[in-house]
Amino acid sequence: MTRMAEEFGPASSPAAIRRAIRSGRHVGPTSGLAPGYVQGNLVVLPAQHAQDFAIYCERNPRPCPLLAISGLGDPGLPTLAEDFDVRTDLPRYRVYRDGRLVDEPVAVSDLWRDDLVTFVLGCSFTFEQALAAAGLPLRHVEMGVRVSMYVSNIDTTPAGPFAGRMVVSMRPLMPADAERAAAITARFPLAHGEPVHYGDPQAIGIADLGQPDFGDPVALHEGEMPVFWACGVTPQVALERAALPFCITHSPGCMVVSDLLSSELDTG
């Protein structure tokens, strides 16, 4: 059991975890919590930009696999969870104005507007549960830290004002384990699917694995190789570049915890 899972117990339901987040009892990462259930990346933006963002997700399904879209001004997401309020039920948010990060609050109720639309995108935490079940090590989970994330040199396909480089998450694995991990994660296209790169980080524009752009650094042990997956922080890079007057995302590692079973996303 990870340090974070110990806080709730191994059988804590997604609803119990959301209540703990809503009450302020948990403000940290959600990796390792609610095993067996889907977690997601958050993007909230004004309705005038929602169609372009939906097209951006459609054109870039690896980093932006779309799980749910809310109704106009609706803070709920009934297709993901009955008892969910996007304004309070993530441990930490990021607020952007004119493309600049201006705050990282633990709730956004005071910022909510009737013209906002919520998008939830698939997250690698879903396939991590399958990797753990197969006995593959996940060092950041063992350490109780956020996965290492980097802005790569891989371009996404633009839509409207949205464009930019793909963010990738990295997990160190032995070569044989990397092959197994690729086969397992390929079964989860709505959770980023198989890796986008193996080995040399410089080949995808990453100069130093010890200096992630998001998350926390984790060391490679002897014989291991870095394995990179498309990451749901990619939209944050696109949002910064688009410089919208206002938008909200999750803080990296602090995700939407849904009632959707991970097995429902398994195409294997």
Protein backbone atom coordinates (compact mmCIF):
# COMPACT_ATOMS: atom_id res chain seq x y z
CA MET A 1 0.00 0.00 0.00
CA THR A 2 1.28 3.46 -0.88
CA ARG A 3 1.60 6.26 1.65
CA MET A 4 -1.38 8.01 0.09
CA ALA A 5 -3.56 4.89 0.09
CA GLU A 6 -2.80 4.40 3.78
CA GLU A 7 -4.59 7.67 4.47
CA PHE A 8 -7.88 6.19 3.32
CA GLY A 9 -7.44 2.41 3.58
CA PRO A 10 -7.20 -0.05 0.69
CA ALA A 11 -10.97 -0.27 0.11
CA SER A 12 -11.88 3.41 0.17
CA SER A 13 -14.49 4.22 -2.46
CA PRO A 14 -14.13 7.04 -4.98
CA ALA A 15 -17.01 8.81 -3.23
CA ALA A 16 -15.20 8.64 0.13
CA ILE A 17 -12.05 10.03 -1.44
CA ARG A 18 -13.99 12.88 -3.08
CA ARG A 19 -15.59 13.70 0.28
CA ALA A 20 -12.14 13.84 1.88
CA ILE A 21 -10.94 16.15 -0.86
CA ARG A 22 -14.06 18.33 -0.63
CA SER A 23 -13.63 18.74 3.12
CA GLY A 24 -9.96 19.66 2.75
CA ARG A 25 -8.67 16.51 4.46
CA HIS A 26 -6.72 15.50 1.34
CA VAL A 27 -4.94 18.11 -0.81
CA GLY A 28 -2.19 15.98 -2.35
CA PRO A 29 -1.79 13.77 -5.43
CA THR A 30 -4.34 11.06 -6.17
CA SER A 31 -1.97 8.46 -7.63
CA GLY A 32 -2.53 5.10 -5.94
CA LEU A 33 -5.98 6.08 -4.62
CA ALA A 34 -9.27 4.38 -5.59
CA PRO A 35 -7.65 1.33 -7.21
CA GLY A 36 -9.81 -0.10 -9.94
CA TYR A 37 -11.42 3.24 -10.82
CA VAL A 38 -10.74 5.75 -13.56
CA GLN A 39 -9.08 9.08 -12.83
CA GLY A 40 -9.02 11.98 -15.25
CA ASN A 41 -7.38 15.26 -16.25
CA LEU A 42 -9.43 18.44 -16.00
CA VAL A 43 -9.90 21.38 -18.36
CA VAL A 44 -12.54 24.05 -17.72
CA LEU A 45 -12.93 26.90 -20.20
CA PRO A 46 -15.51 29.37 -21.54
CA ALA A 47 -18.08 27.99 -23.96
CA GLN A 48 -16.81 30.16 -26.83
CA HIS A 49 -13.64 28.02 -26.92
CA ALA A 50 -15.24 24.64 -26.18
CA GLN A 51 -15.75 23.51 -29.79
CA ASP A 52 -12.15 24.24 -30.77
CA PHE A 53 -10.91 22.41 -27.70
CA ALA A 54 -13.11 19.39 -28.46
CA ILE A 55 -11.62 19.30 -31.98
CA TYR A 56 -8.11 19.59 -30.49
CA CYS A 57 -8.83 16.51 -28.37
CA GLU A 58 -10.21 14.65 -31.39
CA ARG A 59 -7.07 15.41 -33.40
CA ASN A 60 -4.72 14.45 -30.53
CA PRO A 61 -6.29 11.36 -28.93
CA ARG A 62 -3.07 10.05 -27.37
CA PRO A 63 -2.40 13.00 -25.03
CA CYS A 64 -6.06 14.16 -24.93
CA PRO A 65 -8.39 11.12 -24.79
CA LEU A 66 -11.82 12.59 -24.11
CA LEU A 67 -13.87 10.91 -21.35
CA ALA A 68 -16.61 13.45 -20.61
CA ILE A 69 -17.93 16.94 -21.40
CA SER A 70 -20.27 18.80 -19.07
CA GLY A 71 -23.33 20.79 -19.88
CA LEU A 72 -23.02 24.58 -20.03
CA GLY A 73 -22.31 25.92 -16.56
CA ASP A 74 -22.96 22.52 -14.97
CA PRO A 75 -20.43 21.62 -12.22
CA GLY A 76 -21.54 17.99 -12.26
CA LEU A 77 -20.40 15.10 -14.45
CA PRO A 78 -23.11 12.43 -14.13
CA THR A 79 -21.52 10.10 -16.70
CA LEU A 80 -18.46 9.81 -14.43
CA ALA A 81 -19.92 10.12 -10.93
CA GLU A 82 -23.30 10.96 -9.38
CA ASP A 83 -21.82 12.75 -6.38
CA PHE A 84 -19.29 15.03 -8.04
CA ASP A 85 -18.72 18.77 -8.02
CA VAL A 86 -15.94 19.99 -10.30
CA ARG A 87 -15.60 23.13 -8.16
CA THR A 88 -14.49 21.31 -5.00
CA ASP A 89 -13.64 17.66 -5.69
CA LEU A 90 -10.06 17.88 -6.96
CA PRO A 91 -7.24 18.27 -4.43
CA ARG A 92 -5.74 21.27 -6.18
CA TYR A 93 -6.44 23.33 -9.30
CA ARG A 94 -4.56 25.67 -11.59
CA VAL A 95 -6.12 28.96 -12.64
CA TYR A 96 -4.88 30.71 -15.78
CA ARG A 97 -5.55 34.24 -16.96
CA ASP A 98 -4.28 35.38 -20.37
CA GLY A 99 -2.13 32.26 -20.55
CA ARG A 100 -0.42 32.84 -17.20
CA LEU A 101 -0.74 30.65 -14.14
CA VAL A 102 -2.09 32.97 -11.43
CA ASP A 103 -3.22 30.62 -8.64
CA GLU A 104 -3.32 27.01 -7.43
CA PRO A 105 -6.32 26.89 -5.09
CA VAL A 106 -7.90 23.86 -3.41
CA ALA A 107 -11.38 24.89 -4.66
CA VAL A 108 -12.72 27.10 -7.46
CA SER A 109 -16.30 27.70 -6.26
CA ASP A 110 -15.75 31.45 -6.08
CA LEU A 111 -14.53 31.49 -9.69
CA TRP A 112 -17.39 29.49 -11.19
CA ARG A 113 -19.39 31.01 -14.06
CA ASP A 114 -22.48 30.00 -16.00
CA ASP A 115 -20.60 30.01 -19.32
CA LEU A 116 -18.00 27.37 -18.35
CA VAL A 117 -17.69 23.92 -19.91
CA THR A 118 -15.79 21.08 -18.23
CA PHE A 119 -13.74 18.49 -20.10
CA VAL A 120 -12.31 15.36 -18.45
CA LEU A 121 -9.53 13.54 -20.30
CA GLY A 122 -8.17 10.05 -19.70
CA CYS A 123 -5.25 9.66 -17.30
CA SER A 124 -2.32 7.27 -17.04
CA PHE A 125 -3.30 6.45 -13.45
CA THR A 126 -5.85 4.10 -15.07
CA PHE A 127 -3.28 2.01 -16.89
CA GLU A 128 -0.96 2.18 -13.88
CA GLN A 129 -3.48 0.06 -12.00
CA ALA A 130 -3.19 -2.59 -14.72
CA LEU A 131 0.62 -2.39 -14.61
CA ALA A 132 0.63 -2.81 -10.83
CA ALA A 133 -1.75 -5.78 -11.11
CA ALA A 134 0.72 -7.38 -13.53
CA GLY A 135 3.53 -6.95 -10.99
CA LEU A 136 5.31 -4.17 -12.86
CA PRO A 137 7.01 -1.63 -10.56
CA LEU A 138 5.88 1.99 -10.44
CA ARG A 139 8.57 3.86 -8.59
CA HIS A 140 6.73 7.17 -8.17
CA VAL A 141 3.80 5.34 -6.56
CA GLU A 142 6.15 3.47 -4.25
CA MET A 143 7.81 6.77 -3.31
CA GLY A 144 4.49 8.57 -2.83
CA VAL A 145 5.40 11.32 -5.32
CA ARG A 146 3.99 12.56 -8.62
CA VAL A 147 5.06 10.95 -11.88
CA SER A 148 7.83 12.79 -13.77
CA MET A 149 6.45 14.81 -16.70
CA TYR A 150 8.35 16.62 -19.44
CA VAL A 151 7.55 18.91 -22.36
CA SER A 152 8.83 16.99 -25.40
CA ASN A 153 9.66 18.19 -28.92
CA ILE A 154 6.70 16.24 -30.35
CA ASP A 155 4.19 18.65 -31.91
CA THR A 156 0.45 18.23 -31.46
CA THR A 157 -2.04 18.89 -34.26
CA PRO A 158 -3.53 22.38 -33.86
CA ALA A 159 -7.22 23.30 -33.64
CA GLY A 160 -8.28 26.94 -33.39
CA PRO A 161 -6.05 28.64 -30.80
CA PHE A 162 -4.87 25.32 -29.35
CA ALA A 163 -1.44 23.96 -30.31
CA GLY A 164 1.93 23.16 -28.76
CA ARG A 165 4.27 20.36 -27.78
CA MET A 166 3.20 17.05 -26.25
CA VAL A 167 3.89 16.52 -22.58
CA VAL A 168 5.07 12.99 -21.74
CA SER A 169 5.18 11.07 -18.48
CA MET A 170 8.14 8.82 -17.70
CA ARG A 171 8.40 5.53 -15.81
CA PRO A 172 11.73 3.70 -15.42
CA LEU A 173 11.51 0.02 -16.36
CA MET A 174 13.76 -2.87 -17.23
CA PRO A 175 13.67 -3.58 -21.00
CA ALA A 176 11.67 -6.80 -20.62
CA ASP A 177 9.20 -5.02 -18.33
CA ALA A 178 8.92 -2.19 -20.85
CA GLU A 179 7.72 -4.67 -23.48
CA ARG A 180 5.09 -6.03 -21.11
CA ALA A 181 4.05 -2.51 -20.12
CA ALA A 182 3.58 -1.52 -23.76
CA ALA A 183 1.30 -4.51 -24.39
CA ILE A 184 -0.77 -3.77 -21.28
CA THR A 185 -1.15 -0.02 -21.81
CA ALA A 186 -2.08 -0.49 -25.48
CA ARG A 187 -5.36 -1.94 -24.17
CA PHE A 188 -6.27 1.47 -22.70
CA PRO A 189 -6.54 3.96 -25.59
CA LEU A 190 -8.73 6.24 -23.42
CA ALA A 191 -5.88 6.37 -20.88
CA HIS A 192 -3.11 7.36 -23.35
CA GLY A 193 -2.46 3.85 -24.72
CA GLU A 194 1.00 2.47 -25.44
CA PRO A 195 4.27 4.45 -25.01
CA VAL A 196 5.27 7.11 -27.51
CA HIS A 197 9.02 6.69 -26.93
CA TYR A 198 11.58 4.37 -25.31
CA GLY A 199 15.11 5.13 -24.24
CA ASP A 200 17.15 8.22 -25.15
CA PRO A 201 15.26 11.23 -23.72
CA GLN A 202 17.24 13.68 -25.86
CA ALA A 203 15.65 12.17 -28.97
CA ILE A 204 12.36 13.75 -27.89
CA GLY A 205 13.87 16.98 -26.61
CA ILE A 206 14.40 16.17 -22.93
CA ALA A 207 17.80 17.36 -21.75
CA ASP A 208 17.77 16.19 -18.13
CA LEU A 209 15.50 13.53 -16.60
CA GLY A 210 16.38 14.90 -13.18
CA GLN A 211 14.59 18.18 -13.99
CA PRO A 212 10.99 17.37 -14.92
CA ASP A 213 8.76 20.22 -16.10
CA PHE A 214 5.95 18.86 -13.92
CA GLY A 215 5.81 16.32 -11.13
CA ASP A 216 8.78 14.96 -9.23
CA PRO A 217 12.09 13.40 -10.30
CA VAL A 218 12.64 9.67 -9.90
CA ALA A 219 15.97 7.93 -10.43
CA LEU A 220 16.73 5.22 -12.98
CA HIS A 221 18.33 2.15 -11.44
CA GLU A 222 21.03 0.11 -13.13
CA GLY A 223 19.75 -1.63 -16.25
CA GLU A 224 16.55 0.40 -16.46
CA MET A 225 15.41 2.51 -19.38
CA PRO A 226 13.06 5.51 -19.38
CA VAL A 227 9.70 4.77 -21.00
CA PHE A 228 7.52 7.70 -22.08
CA TRP A 229 3.76 7.92 -22.48
CA ALA A 230 1.62 10.78 -23.80
CA CYS A 231 0.39 12.82 -20.84
CA GLY A 232 -2.81 14.66 -20.03
CA VAL A 233 -0.87 17.75 -18.95
CA THR A 234 -0.44 18.43 -22.69
CA PRO A 235 -3.61 20.58 -22.76
CA GLN A 236 -2.11 22.86 -20.11
CA VAL A 237 0.73 23.68 -22.51
CA ALA A 238 -1.82 24.30 -25.27
CA LEU A 239 -3.92 26.48 -22.96
CA GLU A 240 -0.92 28.58 -21.94
CA ARG A 241 -0.04 29.10 -25.57
CA ALA A 242 -3.65 29.96 -26.49
CA ALA A 243 -3.58 32.65 -23.76
CA LEU A 244 -7.32 32.46 -23.08
CA PRO A 245 -8.59 35.20 -20.80
CA PHE A 246 -9.63 32.57 -18.24
CA CYS A 247 -9.46 28.80 -17.78
CA ILE A 248 -8.97 26.19 -15.06
CA THR A 249 -7.10 22.88 -15.04
CA HIS A 250 -6.08 20.34 -12.42
CA SER A 251 -2.74 20.73 -10.70
CA PRO A 252 -0.49 17.96 -12.10
CA GLY A 253 -1.07 14.72 -10.20
CA CYS A 254 -4.30 15.97 -8.56
CA MET A 255 -6.97 14.35 -10.65
CA VAL A 256 -10.70 13.82 -11.08
CA VAL A 257 -11.55 10.60 -9.20
CA SER A 258 -14.53 8.98 -10.95
CA ASP A 259 -16.88 6.08 -10.27
CA LEU A 260 -16.08 4.57 -13.68
CA LEU A 261 -14.36 1.20 -13.43
CA SER A 262 -10.94 0.96 -15.09
CA SER A 263 -12.01 -2.37 -16.58
CA GLU A 264 -14.58 -0.45 -18.65
CA LEU A 265 -11.73 1.20 -20.55
CA ASP A 266 -9.84 -2.06 -21.14
CA THR A 267 -10.16 -3.07 -24.80
CA GLY A 268 -8.09 -6.24 -24.31
